[in-house]
Every structure is written in structure tokens, then in C-alpha cells.
Amino acid sequence: MSVIAWLRALLVLACLYTVPALPARAADAEAPAEPPKAADVLRAMSGYLAKAGSFSYHAEVEFDQILPGGPKIRLAGALDVAAKRPGSLFVNYRDDVSARVVWLQGGRLTLFDPVAATYAEVSGPKDIDGMVDKLEKEHGVSLPLGELTESDPMAALMRGVDQSHWVGIHDVDGVFCHHLVLQRPDLDLQVFVEVGEKPLPRKLVFEYPHRPGSPQYTAWITEWSFAPPAADLFAAKLPADVARVEFLPVGEAR
């Protein structure tokens, strides 16, 4: 064996024996004295958000779409969310193939589809929790990351969960976070919660292992603000030439 070949072989062996397994924490983060329980981390996050009278954030998202015949493609988008408890909400969502804008104020929710130039309205509970629940149960409509806008985000995220795990402390775009895994029969959910005095959710990964193609939905959450949003942000602003459509009850053909 030549010297060069010998050195190459030695380098390969060094790489094999020095690459570590997935770390339980990010290298520069301080490890907790004892691993916390996932429920305790979620409870701290939920309490922090619940105490906020208002907040806003930006999120970048990526998600899988399963095409007819089975191919899976990856799409991307973004959303901006502002909430003022108990009953005002604004969501501006857009991705590679669709867009939605939601205004909720005074028990009236307006959903605008800029691509189709249509909008729908529904009246109901005057709180965010009640309206999110009404949309899901009566119309099969889920708001993007709607769990975080409810008064108890932990309860929303834990619905149907039968196992929860603390994985370690990992880095999310330069922010050290508790990495949690929540499992329910139809969903594996990873939640990354910032370490420290501001336990903010920084990343969520939804995976549906039993659906064809095991699609994922990932959201990176940034630009958190707890300054009160402008009051007129929650009032619907529709173009003059849009057509009104109706929300259909769950089970009706669309």
C-alpha cells in the first residue's frame, strides 16, 4: 500500500470513530442537572403565552404534498400571526400554491382567499378558543398553528397524546431549545421550546406516519413580539371585486 493510500485509509478510520452519535444537547448549551419532563416544559411555554395579553410572530413553513399516484413534493410558505386575547386574531398565510387571510374580531371571522378572489364569513363565540373549535368541528377548517393562539396552548398540543418525551437541548437557528416529542396514534409532533426565561416555541414538526407518504409539516417561528398590535389589524379588509362563498358543514362535498 502506498503512503498516500495508507493516509487516506487512516483518515477514513478516524472519521468513522470520531463522528459522535446524535447529541442529547447542543454542544454549547448548559445541560440541566436532571432531564426535565416534557409536560413541565410545555406547561412553562403555555403559561408564558397565556399571560401575554397580545402577541405576534412570523413563521416560515415547509410541507409535503402527495400527488396522485404517490409522488411526494416539498412546498414552502410563510405566515404572520397576531393575537389579542380574548377574541381578536389575524393570520396572513401564503405558500407556493395557495394563500389565506383570516380576521377575527367580536365573534365574527372572515376568511379571504386571494387566489380564488373569494371570502367566507361565520359568526360564533367571541373568544379565539371557541371560534377555533367551531371552525374545526363544524366546517373542518384548521387555522395554521392555531394551537398557539388558544388560551392554553399545552392543552391544545396535548390533545390525544399518549406519550411524551424530552429528547435533549438542540439548536434552532442559533437558539437553544428543549426538544420534545409528543406522540398520538395519528401524529408524531416535535416541539422546540426556547431554553431560559422566555420559553417560546421556536419550531414545530408535524408528521403523519399512517397517511400515504408519511407527510410532514414544519414551521420555524421567529420575530416574536408582545407589543399590542394596531387595533385595525383585526378588521377585515376585502378588495371590492371579491365574491362571497359559504363555509360548508363537515362532510359536505367541496
Protein backbone atom coordinates (compact mmCIF):
# COMPACT_ATOMS: atom_id res chain seq x y z
CA MET A 1 0.00 0.00 0.00
CA SER A 2 1.39 3.39 -0.93
CA VAL A 3 1.88 6.09 1.70
CA ILE A 4 -0.94 8.18 0.16
CA ALA A 5 -3.34 5.24 0.15
CA TRP A 6 -2.37 4.43 3.74
CA LEU A 7 -3.02 8.01 4.84
CA ARG A 8 -6.40 8.02 3.09
CA ALA A 9 -7.38 4.78 4.84
CA LEU A 10 -6.27 6.20 8.19
CA LEU A 11 -8.35 9.36 7.60
CA VAL A 12 -11.45 7.29 6.82
CA LEU A 13 -10.99 5.25 10.00
CA ALA A 14 -10.54 8.44 12.04
CA CYS A 15 -13.80 9.84 10.66
CA LEU A 16 -15.64 6.62 11.44
CA TYR A 17 -14.51 6.62 15.05
CA THR A 18 -14.78 10.33 15.80
CA VAL A 19 -18.23 11.18 14.39
CA PRO A 20 -20.46 11.20 17.51
CA ALA A 21 -23.96 9.90 17.79
CA LEU A 22 -26.81 12.43 17.84
CA PRO A 23 -26.05 14.58 20.92
CA ALA A 24 -28.54 14.84 23.74
CA ARG A 25 -27.90 18.59 23.77
CA ALA A 26 -26.27 21.26 21.67
CA ALA A 27 -22.54 21.48 22.34
CA ASP A 28 -22.58 25.00 23.81
CA ALA A 29 -25.80 24.72 25.83
CA GLU A 30 -25.71 24.04 29.53
CA ALA A 31 -27.17 20.64 30.31
CA PRO A 32 -29.86 20.58 33.02
CA ALA A 33 -28.95 18.85 36.28
CA GLU A 34 -31.79 16.42 35.64
CA PRO A 35 -33.67 15.87 32.38
CA PRO A 36 -36.95 17.80 32.63
CA LYS A 37 -40.27 16.23 31.84
CA ALA A 38 -41.79 17.17 28.52
CA ALA A 39 -45.02 18.16 30.27
CA ASP A 40 -43.16 20.63 32.51
CA VAL A 41 -41.50 22.31 29.53
CA LEU A 42 -44.84 22.57 27.73
CA ARG A 43 -46.51 23.91 30.86
CA ALA A 44 -43.91 26.69 31.15
CA MET A 45 -44.33 27.58 27.47
CA SER A 46 -48.10 27.55 27.73
CA GLY A 47 -48.13 29.69 30.85
CA TYR A 48 -45.80 32.23 29.29
CA LEU A 49 -48.03 32.64 26.24
CA ALA A 50 -51.23 32.57 28.29
CA LYS A 51 -50.07 35.51 30.40
CA ALA A 52 -49.50 37.63 27.32
CA GLY A 53 -52.48 39.80 26.54
CA SER A 54 -51.32 40.04 22.95
CA PHE A 55 -48.51 38.76 20.77
CA SER A 56 -47.39 38.37 17.17
CA TYR A 57 -44.89 36.22 15.31
CA HIS A 58 -43.63 35.26 11.88
CA ALA A 59 -43.17 31.67 10.71
CA GLU A 60 -41.53 30.03 7.73
CA VAL A 61 -43.10 26.70 6.79
CA GLU A 62 -42.31 23.69 4.64
CA PHE A 63 -44.69 20.82 3.99
CA ASP A 64 -45.18 17.73 1.86
CA GLN A 65 -47.89 17.29 -0.73
CA ILE A 66 -48.68 13.83 -2.06
CA LEU A 67 -49.53 13.91 -5.75
CA PRO A 68 -51.91 11.46 -7.48
CA GLY A 69 -50.06 8.20 -7.97
CA GLY A 70 -47.83 8.67 -4.93
CA PRO A 71 -45.02 11.17 -5.69
CA LYS A 72 -44.24 13.46 -2.76
CA ILE A 73 -43.19 17.06 -3.33
CA ARG A 74 -41.95 19.68 -0.87
CA LEU A 75 -43.62 23.08 -0.80
CA ALA A 76 -42.85 26.19 1.24
CA GLY A 77 -44.64 29.20 2.61
CA ALA A 78 -44.86 31.72 5.42
CA LEU A 79 -47.38 33.17 7.81
CA ASP A 80 -47.76 36.16 10.09
CA VAL A 81 -49.97 35.87 13.15
CA ALA A 82 -51.19 38.49 15.62
CA ALA A 83 -53.49 37.78 18.56
CA LYS A 84 -55.11 39.94 21.19
CA ARG A 85 -56.94 37.94 23.81
CA PRO A 86 -59.62 37.04 24.34
CA GLY A 87 -61.14 37.37 20.89
CA SER A 88 -59.06 39.13 18.22
CA LEU A 89 -56.91 37.28 15.71
CA PHE A 90 -55.16 38.00 12.40
CA VAL A 91 -53.50 35.37 10.21
CA ASN A 92 -51.81 36.05 6.86
CA TYR A 93 -50.77 32.76 5.23
CA ARG A 94 -49.23 32.16 1.81
CA ASP A 95 -47.37 29.26 0.20
CA ASP A 96 -46.31 28.04 -3.23
CA VAL A 97 -49.86 27.12 -4.28
CA SER A 98 -52.32 28.94 -2.02
CA ALA A 99 -52.99 31.88 0.28
CA ARG A 100 -55.42 32.70 3.09
CA VAL A 101 -56.05 35.77 5.25
CA VAL A 102 -58.12 35.49 8.44
CA TRP A 103 -59.59 38.27 10.55
CA LEU A 104 -61.42 37.54 13.80
CA GLN A 105 -63.00 40.25 15.92
CA GLY A 106 -66.14 40.46 18.04
CA GLY A 107 -67.22 36.89 17.32
CA ARG A 108 -67.10 37.30 13.54
CA LEU A 109 -64.47 35.52 11.45
CA THR A 110 -63.70 36.40 7.83
CA LEU A 111 -61.55 34.11 5.67
CA PHE A 112 -60.27 35.59 2.40
CA ASP A 113 -58.76 33.55 -0.45
CA PRO A 114 -56.70 35.95 -2.63
CA VAL A 115 -56.04 33.26 -5.26
CA ALA A 116 -59.72 32.47 -5.87
CA ALA A 117 -60.84 36.05 -5.08
CA THR A 118 -63.48 34.75 -2.65
CA TYR A 119 -64.27 35.15 1.02
CA ALA A 120 -66.45 33.47 3.64
CA GLU A 121 -67.75 34.68 6.97
CA VAL A 122 -69.02 32.93 10.07
CA SER A 123 -70.29 34.21 13.41
CA GLY A 124 -69.85 32.40 16.68
CA PRO A 125 -68.04 32.53 20.02
CA LYS A 126 -66.34 35.81 20.84
CA ASP A 127 -63.16 34.15 22.07
CA ILE A 128 -60.35 32.65 19.98
CA ASP A 129 -60.67 29.20 21.61
CA GLY A 130 -64.37 28.95 20.85
CA MET A 131 -64.02 30.06 17.26
CA VAL A 132 -61.07 27.72 16.54
CA ASP A 133 -63.13 24.86 17.95
CA LYS A 134 -66.22 25.84 15.92
CA LEU A 135 -64.27 26.01 12.66
CA GLU A 136 -62.70 22.60 13.19
CA LYS A 137 -65.80 20.74 14.38
CA GLU A 138 -68.45 22.31 12.15
CA HIS A 139 -66.51 23.16 9.00
CA GLY A 140 -63.32 21.06 9.07
CA VAL A 141 -61.16 24.18 8.87
CA SER A 142 -57.93 24.34 10.88
CA LEU A 143 -56.00 27.57 11.33
CA PRO A 144 -52.23 27.34 10.75
CA LEU A 145 -50.59 26.79 14.16
CA GLY A 146 -53.95 27.50 15.75
CA GLU A 147 -52.84 25.65 18.89
CA LEU A 148 -50.51 28.52 19.82
CA THR A 149 -53.28 31.12 19.74
CA GLU A 150 -55.55 29.31 22.19
CA SER A 151 -55.63 30.33 25.86
CA ASP A 152 -53.97 27.03 26.90
CA PRO A 153 -51.52 26.01 24.14
CA MET A 154 -50.37 22.98 26.16
CA ALA A 155 -53.87 21.53 26.29
CA ALA A 156 -54.27 22.09 22.54
CA LEU A 157 -50.95 20.43 21.71
CA MET A 158 -51.56 17.51 24.08
CA ARG A 159 -54.99 16.53 22.75
CA GLY A 160 -54.93 12.79 22.11
CA VAL A 161 -51.25 12.45 23.09
CA ASP A 162 -50.45 9.16 24.84
CA GLN A 163 -46.65 9.51 25.06
CA SER A 164 -44.32 12.46 25.52
CA HIS A 165 -40.52 12.61 25.61
CA TRP A 166 -37.76 15.13 26.33
CA VAL A 167 -35.03 14.44 23.75
CA GLY A 168 -32.40 16.99 24.72
CA ILE A 169 -31.29 20.58 24.18
CA HIS A 170 -30.77 21.33 20.50
CA ASP A 171 -30.07 24.39 18.39
CA VAL A 172 -32.78 26.02 16.28
CA ASP A 173 -31.24 28.77 14.16
CA GLY A 174 -28.90 29.82 16.96
CA VAL A 175 -31.45 29.48 19.78
CA PHE A 176 -31.01 26.65 22.27
CA CYS A 177 -34.26 24.79 22.74
CA HIS A 178 -35.75 21.91 24.65
CA HIS A 179 -36.55 19.27 22.03
CA LEU A 180 -39.80 17.45 22.83
CA VAL A 181 -41.62 14.64 21.06
CA LEU A 182 -45.37 14.17 21.55
CA GLN A 183 -46.98 11.03 20.14
CA ARG A 184 -50.58 10.19 19.46
CA PRO A 185 -51.97 7.42 17.25
CA ASP A 186 -52.19 9.59 14.13
CA LEU A 187 -49.40 12.10 14.73
CA ASP A 188 -45.79 12.47 15.83
CA LEU A 189 -45.22 16.08 16.92
CA GLN A 190 -41.83 17.61 17.70
CA VAL A 191 -41.84 20.87 19.66
CA PHE A 192 -38.75 23.00 20.24
CA VAL A 193 -39.10 25.40 23.20
CA GLU A 194 -36.53 28.09 23.92
CA VAL A 195 -34.38 27.49 26.99
CA GLY A 196 -34.39 30.19 29.66
CA GLU A 197 -36.72 32.90 30.92
CA LYS A 198 -38.66 33.15 27.67
CA PRO A 199 -39.92 29.63 26.90
CA LEU A 200 -41.17 30.42 23.41
CA PRO A 201 -41.95 27.78 20.80
CA ARG A 202 -39.33 28.10 18.08
CA LYS A 203 -40.05 25.13 15.82
CA LEU A 204 -42.78 22.55 15.35
CA VAL A 205 -42.67 19.42 13.18
CA PHE A 206 -45.91 17.56 12.46
CA GLU A 207 -45.50 14.08 10.94
CA TYR A 208 -48.40 11.83 9.96
CA PRO A 209 -46.83 8.34 9.77
CA HIS A 210 -50.00 6.49 8.84
CA ARG A 211 -51.01 8.68 5.91
CA PRO A 212 -49.77 7.75 2.44
CA GLY A 213 -46.24 9.07 2.04
CA SER A 214 -45.93 10.00 5.76
CA PRO A 215 -46.20 13.75 5.05
CA GLN A 216 -44.58 16.34 7.29
CA TYR A 217 -45.34 19.97 8.10
CA THR A 218 -42.53 22.04 9.65
CA ALA A 219 -42.75 25.59 10.99
CA TRP A 220 -39.82 27.76 12.15
CA ILE A 221 -41.18 30.55 14.38
CA THR A 222 -39.36 33.88 14.61
CA GLU A 223 -39.89 37.58 15.29
CA TRP A 224 -41.91 37.14 18.46
CA SER A 225 -43.34 40.42 19.76
CA PHE A 226 -45.56 41.15 22.74
CA ALA A 227 -46.34 44.74 21.81
CA PRO A 228 -50.09 45.34 21.32
CA PRO A 229 -50.96 45.08 17.60
CA ALA A 230 -52.73 48.00 15.94
CA ALA A 231 -56.47 47.81 16.64
CA ASP A 232 -57.46 47.98 12.97
CA LEU A 233 -55.33 44.94 12.12
CA PHE A 234 -58.21 42.64 13.15
CA ALA A 235 -60.85 44.34 10.98
CA ALA A 236 -61.49 42.62 7.64
CA LYS A 237 -60.13 44.47 4.60
CA LEU A 238 -61.54 42.93 1.43
CA PRO A 239 -60.99 44.06 -2.15
CA ALA A 240 -64.09 45.41 -3.87
CA ASP A 241 -64.31 42.71 -6.54
CA VAL A 242 -64.29 39.54 -4.40
CA ALA A 243 -67.19 37.05 -4.32
CA ARG A 244 -68.75 35.70 -1.17
CA VAL A 245 -68.98 31.94 -0.63
CA GLU A 246 -70.30 29.93 2.30
CA PHE A 247 -68.49 27.71 4.77
CA LEU A 248 -69.71 24.17 4.18
CA PRO A 249 -70.55 21.85 7.08
CA VAL A 250 -68.19 18.96 7.75
CA GLY A 251 -68.89 16.05 5.43
CA GLU A 252 -70.35 18.00 2.51
CA ALA A 253 -68.57 17.77 -0.82
CA ARG A 254 -66.37 20.68 -1.74
